């Protein structure tokens, strides 16, 4: 798995990213989560983005993932 084969489709807090990931996986799309604040936490530093994560899907699944991500975003807008 090379990083260039994956596209970021969503970013947010742990809970919201997990919601998006669950919906993607329910549709048979494999998603990968990258936590931006991990390095800072391990080295003893804190970040304003603590708990901030990014969600990636493969290029091949991107067209299927976009409508699902858009639906998650729409559900969050109240």
Protein backbone atom coordinates (compact mmCIF):
# COMPACT_ATOMS: atom_id res chain seq x y z
CA UNK A 1 0.00 0.00 0.00
CA UNK A 2 1.57 3.25 -1.11
CA UNK A 3 0.37 6.59 0.23
CA UNK A 4 -0.11 8.00 -3.27
CA UNK A 5 -2.72 5.30 -3.93
CA UNK A 6 -4.99 6.80 -1.26
CA UNK A 7 -6.97 10.04 -1.31
CA UNK A 8 -8.11 12.01 1.76
CA UNK A 9 -11.91 12.16 1.71
CA UNK A 10 -12.70 13.46 5.17
CA UNK A 11 -11.17 14.90 8.32
CA UNK A 12 -12.50 15.66 11.76
CA UNK A 13 -12.74 14.44 15.32
CA UNK A 14 -12.39 10.79 16.25
CA UNK A 15 -16.13 10.23 16.69
CA UNK A 16 -17.15 11.80 13.39
CA UNK A 17 -14.39 10.04 11.47
CA UNK A 18 -15.50 6.74 13.01
CA UNK A 19 -19.07 7.43 11.84
CA UNK A 20 -17.85 8.08 8.30
CA UNK A 21 -15.59 5.03 8.40
CA UNK A 22 -18.44 2.80 9.60
CA UNK A 23 -20.64 3.97 6.73
CA UNK A 24 -17.89 3.40 4.20
CA UNK A 25 -17.18 -0.08 5.54
CA UNK A 26 -20.91 -0.91 5.47
CA UNK A 27 -20.76 -0.15 1.74
CA UNK A 28 -17.76 -2.45 1.32
CA UNK A 29 -15.22 0.38 1.05
CA UNK A 30 -11.96 -0.05 2.94
CA UNK A 31 -10.94 3.18 4.63
CA UNK A 32 -7.68 4.10 6.34
CA UNK A 33 -7.47 6.51 9.28
CA UNK A 34 -4.48 8.74 9.91
CA UNK A 35 -4.27 10.58 13.22
CA UNK A 36 -2.40 13.86 12.88
CA UNK A 37 -1.78 14.40 16.58
CA UNK A 38 -0.20 11.02 17.30
CA UNK A 39 3.41 12.11 16.98
CA UNK A 40 2.98 15.05 19.33
CA UNK A 41 1.31 12.95 21.97
CA UNK A 42 4.03 10.33 21.94
CA UNK A 43 6.76 12.93 22.30
CA UNK A 44 5.04 14.66 25.22
CA UNK A 45 3.68 17.64 23.31
CA UNK A 46 0.04 18.56 22.94
CA UNK A 47 -1.63 19.85 19.82
CA UNK A 48 -4.62 22.04 19.12
CA UNK A 49 -5.68 19.26 16.75
CA UNK A 50 -5.69 16.61 19.47
CA UNK A 51 -8.06 13.86 18.37
CA UNK A 52 -8.08 15.15 14.79
CA UNK A 53 -8.06 12.40 12.19
CA UNK A 54 -8.03 12.08 8.43
CA UNK A 55 -9.88 9.42 6.48
CA UNK A 56 -8.45 8.02 3.23
CA UNK A 57 -9.80 5.66 0.58
CA UNK A 58 -8.09 4.04 -2.38
CA UNK A 59 -8.26 5.78 -5.74
CA UNK A 60 -10.25 2.85 -7.10
CA UNK A 61 -13.00 3.33 -4.48
CA UNK A 62 -13.07 7.13 -4.53
CA UNK A 63 -16.13 7.48 -6.79
CA UNK A 64 -18.12 5.19 -4.48
CA UNK A 65 -16.88 6.89 -1.31
CA UNK A 66 -17.68 10.50 -2.23
CA UNK A 67 -21.51 10.20 -2.04
CA UNK A 68 -21.22 8.46 1.33
CA UNK A 69 -18.94 11.17 2.71
CA UNK A 70 -21.27 13.87 1.37
CA UNK A 71 -24.18 12.17 3.17
CA UNK A 72 -22.22 12.12 6.44
CA UNK A 73 -21.46 15.83 6.06
CA UNK A 74 -25.12 16.58 5.33
CA UNK A 75 -26.19 14.63 8.44
CA UNK A 76 -23.87 16.78 10.55
CA UNK A 77 -25.37 20.05 9.32
CA UNK A 78 -28.26 20.87 11.60
